Amino acid sequence: MASINPSLRGINALMPHCRTIRMFGSAALHLAWIACGRLTAYFEPDLNSWDTAAGAVLVQEAGGRLSAL
């Protein structure tokens, strides 16, 4: 259960500011959807650089920005 705690804390913090939270699996897919405007934000704790590298390039090339919370 310890591995889900960071996600639950993040969801609890985001819920008052969001209409819905969806999780589809792939970090690269989520970031690609942000780059093309299908999603507005993505949050997931404990990702490795290889999980986000391709999606990060897409977001930056589309004029978006990435940050660490």
C-alpha atoms as a PDB file:
ATOM      1  CA  MET A   1       0.000   0.000   0.000  1.00  0.00           C
ATOM      2  CA  ALA A   2       2.963   2.339   0.501  1.00  0.00           C
ATOM      3  CA  SER A   3       3.539   2.714  -3.250  1.00  0.00           C
ATOM      4  CA  ILE A   4       0.067   4.156  -3.841  1.00  0.00           C
ATOM      5  CA  ASN A   5       0.329   6.809  -1.111  1.00  0.00           C
ATOM      6  CA  PRO A   6       2.149   9.431  -3.255  1.00  0.00           C
ATOM      7  CA  SER A   7      -0.512   9.091  -5.942  1.00  0.00           C
ATOM      8  CA  LEU A   8      -3.346   9.422  -3.444  1.00  0.00           C
ATOM      9  CA  ARG A   9      -1.765  12.526  -1.907  1.00  0.00           C
ATOM     10  CA  GLY A  10      -1.434  14.078  -5.359  1.00  0.00           C
ATOM     11  CA  ILE A  11      -5.021  13.256  -6.283  1.00  0.00           C
ATOM     12  CA  ASN A  12      -6.299  14.704  -3.004  1.00  0.00           C
ATOM     13  CA  ALA A  13      -4.363  17.917  -3.655  1.00  0.00           C
ATOM     14  CA  LEU A  14      -5.569  18.234  -7.265  1.00  0.00           C
ATOM     15  CA  MET A  15      -9.245  17.330  -6.876  1.00  0.00           C
ATOM     16  CA  PRO A  16     -10.440  20.730  -5.582  1.00  0.00           C
ATOM     17  CA  HIS A  17      -8.940  22.303  -8.734  1.00  0.00           C
ATOM     18  CA  CYS A  18      -9.992  19.733 -11.372  1.00  0.00           C
ATOM     19  CA  ARG A  19     -13.199  18.553 -12.930  1.00  0.00           C
ATOM     20  CA  THR A  20     -11.951  15.019 -13.613  1.00  0.00           C
ATOM     21  CA  ILE A  21      -8.811  12.965 -13.159  1.00  0.00           C
ATOM     22  CA  ARG A  22      -8.107  10.186 -15.654  1.00  0.00           C
ATOM     23  CA  MET A  23      -5.306   7.641 -15.739  1.00  0.00           C
ATOM     24  CA  PHE A  24      -4.728   5.665 -18.927  1.00  0.00           C
ATOM     25  CA  GLY A  25      -1.314   4.121 -18.283  1.00  0.00           C
ATOM     26  CA  SER A  26       1.482   5.433 -20.464  1.00  0.00           C
ATOM     27  CA  ALA A  27       3.226   8.657 -19.440  1.00  0.00           C
ATOM     28  CA  ALA A  28       4.330   9.222 -23.046  1.00  0.00           C
ATOM     29  CA  LEU A  29       0.721   8.923 -24.242  1.00  0.00           C
ATOM     30  CA  HIS A  30      -0.530  11.400 -21.636  1.00  0.00           C
ATOM     31  CA  LEU A  31       2.164  13.890 -22.602  1.00  0.00           C
ATOM     32  CA  ALA A  32       1.414  13.452 -26.313  1.00  0.00           C
ATOM     33  CA  TRP A  33      -2.242  14.238 -25.570  1.00  0.00           C
ATOM     34  CA  ILE A  34      -1.174  17.364 -23.690  1.00  0.00           C
ATOM     35  CA  ALA A  35       0.976  18.424 -26.657  1.00  0.00           C
ATOM     36  CA  CYS A  36      -1.994  18.175 -29.033  1.00  0.00           C
ATOM     37  CA  GLY A  37      -4.482  19.760 -26.614  1.00  0.00           C
ATOM     38  CA  ARG A  38      -6.557  16.731 -25.577  1.00  0.00           C
ATOM     39  CA  LEU A  39      -5.431  17.067 -21.940  1.00  0.00           C
ATOM     40  CA  THR A  40      -4.406  20.128 -19.955  1.00  0.00           C
ATOM     41  CA  ALA A  41      -2.188  18.574 -17.273  1.00  0.00           C
ATOM     42  CA  TYR A  42      -0.512  15.361 -16.207  1.00  0.00           C
ATOM     43  CA  PHE A  43       0.682  14.306 -12.764  1.00  0.00           C
ATOM     44  CA  GLU A  44       2.336  11.082 -11.696  1.00  0.00           C
ATOM     45  CA  PRO A  45       4.898  10.571  -8.931  1.00  0.00           C
ATOM     46  CA  ASP A  46       8.015   8.428  -9.219  1.00  0.00           C
ATOM     47  CA  LEU A  47       8.533   8.392 -12.986  1.00  0.00           C
ATOM     48  CA  ASN A  48      11.894   7.691 -14.549  1.00  0.00           C
ATOM     49  CA  SER A  49      13.421   9.782 -17.318  1.00  0.00           C
ATOM     50  CA  TRP A  50      12.718   7.079 -19.908  1.00  0.00           C
ATOM     51  CA  ASP A  51       9.022   7.222 -18.990  1.00  0.00           C
ATOM     52  CA  THR A  52       8.721  10.872 -19.991  1.00  0.00           C
ATOM     53  CA  ALA A  53      11.540  11.631 -22.456  1.00  0.00           C
ATOM     54  CA  ALA A  54       9.600  11.326 -25.730  1.00  0.00           C
ATOM     55  CA  GLY A  55       6.460  12.984 -24.360  1.00  0.00           C
ATOM     56  CA  ALA A  56       8.490  15.820 -22.854  1.00  0.00           C
ATOM     57  CA  VAL A  57       9.943  16.654 -26.277  1.00  0.00           C
ATOM     58  CA  LEU A  58       6.442  16.735 -27.783  1.00  0.00           C
ATOM     59  CA  VAL A  59       5.128  19.055 -25.061  1.00  0.00           C
ATOM     60  CA  GLN A  60       8.104  21.425 -25.362  1.00  0.00           C
ATOM     61  CA  GLU A  61       7.893  21.510 -29.178  1.00  0.00           C
ATOM     62  CA  ALA A  62       4.179  22.346 -28.877  1.00  0.00           C
ATOM     63  CA  GLY A  63       5.028  25.308 -26.629  1.00  0.00           C
ATOM     64  CA  GLY A  64       4.170  23.658 -23.328  1.00  0.00           C
ATOM     65  CA  ARG A  65       6.274  23.341 -20.224  1.00  0.00           C
ATOM     66  CA  LEU A  66       7.142  20.620 -17.766  1.00  0.00           C
ATOM     67  CA  SER A  67       7.813  21.048 -14.087  1.00  0.00           C
ATOM     68  CA  ALA A  68       8.534  18.984 -11.022  1.00  0.00           C
ATOM     69  CA  LEU A  69       6.125  19.328  -8.151  1.00  0.00           C
END
